[in-house]
Protein backbone atom coordinates (compact mmCIF):
# COMPACT_ATOMS: atom_id res chain seq x y z
CA MET A 1 -12.63 -4.50 34.77
CA HIS A 2 -10.82 -1.24 34.02
CA LEU A 3 -11.35 0.59 30.71
CA ILE A 4 -7.94 2.28 31.03
CA PRO A 5 -5.02 0.48 32.56
CA PRO A 6 -3.99 2.18 35.80
CA VAL A 7 -0.44 2.87 34.58
CA LEU A 8 -1.70 4.76 31.49
CA PHE A 9 -4.21 6.64 33.59
CA LEU A 10 -1.36 7.77 35.93
CA GLY A 11 0.77 8.63 32.99
CA LEU A 12 -2.00 10.83 31.52
CA LEU A 13 -2.25 12.68 34.76
CA GLY A 14 1.48 13.28 34.76
CA LEU A 15 2.11 10.97 37.68
CA GLY A 16 3.72 8.03 35.78
CA GLY A 17 6.97 9.64 34.79
CA PRO A 18 7.90 12.51 32.50
CA PHE A 19 8.00 10.57 29.26
CA LEU A 20 5.04 8.11 29.64
CA GLY A 21 2.66 10.45 27.80
CA PHE A 22 5.29 11.07 25.09
CA PHE A 23 5.62 7.31 24.54
CA ILE A 24 1.86 6.79 24.37
CA VAL A 25 1.49 9.46 21.70
CA LEU A 26 4.49 7.97 19.89
CA ALA A 27 2.90 4.55 19.86
CA VAL A 28 -0.49 5.92 18.61
CA VAL A 29 1.26 7.83 15.83
CA SER A 30 3.35 4.84 14.89
CA ILE A 31 0.24 2.59 14.60
CA GLY A 32 -1.57 5.21 12.57
CA LEU A 33 1.35 5.59 10.22
CA ARG A 34 1.57 1.89 9.61
CA ILE A 35 -2.16 1.65 8.88
CA TYR A 36 -1.81 4.59 6.38
CA MET A 37 1.20 3.07 4.64
CA LEU A 38 -0.52 -0.34 4.36
CA SER A 39 -3.71 1.15 2.88
CA THR A 40 -1.61 3.28 0.47
CA TRP A 41 0.36 0.23 -0.67
CA ARG A 42 -2.80 -1.73 -1.21
CA ARG A 43 -4.48 0.99 -3.31
CA ARG A 44 -1.32 1.45 -5.41
CA SER A 45 -0.86 -2.30 -6.08
CA GLN A 46 -4.52 -2.63 -7.12
CA ARG A 47 -4.11 0.32 -9.48
CA THR A 48 -0.92 -0.89 -11.07
CA GLY A 49 -2.18 -4.40 -11.38
CA ARG A 50 0.51 -6.09 -9.17
CA ALA A 51 -2.00 -8.44 -7.74
CA GLY A 52 -1.25 -10.91 -10.57
CA ASN A 53 -4.34 -10.44 -12.67
CA VAL A 54 -2.66 -8.63 -15.63
CA GLY A 55 -2.84 -10.74 -18.84
CA PRO A 56 -0.30 -10.74 -21.71
CA GLU A 57 -2.56 -8.57 -23.93
CA GLU A 58 -2.70 -5.93 -21.13
CA ILE A 59 1.08 -5.97 -20.79
CA LEU A 60 1.45 -5.63 -24.57
CA ALA A 61 -0.99 -2.72 -24.62
CA ARG A 62 0.92 -0.91 -21.85
CA ARG A 63 4.20 -1.35 -23.75
CA PHE A 64 2.62 0.16 -26.87
CA ALA A 65 1.16 3.05 -24.85
CA ARG A 66 4.57 3.80 -23.35
CA GLY A 67 6.17 3.71 -26.82
CA ASP A 68 8.41 0.71 -26.17
CA ILE A 69 7.06 -0.95 -29.35
CA ASP A 70 5.70 0.49 -32.62
CA GLU A 71 2.21 -0.18 -34.05
CA ASP A 72 3.42 -2.89 -36.43
CA GLU A 73 5.13 -4.91 -33.71
CA TYR A 74 2.15 -4.37 -31.46
CA ARG A 75 -0.26 -5.80 -34.06
CA ARG A 76 2.07 -8.71 -34.86
CA ARG A 77 2.47 -9.69 -31.27
CA LEU A 78 -1.20 -9.27 -30.53
CA ALA A 79 -2.12 -11.57 -33.42
CA ALA A 80 0.42 -14.09 -32.21
CA LEU A 81 -1.06 -14.07 -28.72
CA ARG A 82 -4.55 -14.47 -30.02
CA ASN A 83 -3.63 -17.37 -32.34
CA HIS A 84 -2.13 -19.52 -29.55
């Protein structure tokens, strides 16, 4: 059993063609970039609550914090949510 496929070994020695090493590096960078982007997306979705675990009170609080609604409307809607 070989640890490194013979074609890759020859490419690393410069015997497998002029661009084989370049394509190996490109493949490794591409895989690394995909892993980085996936982990960044997961962290961002957990932080913003896109996982589906945000309740109506949290949404209302965020709207109030952004200034979309004033305090009176916030309290009125919060009372309505808690009464139902």
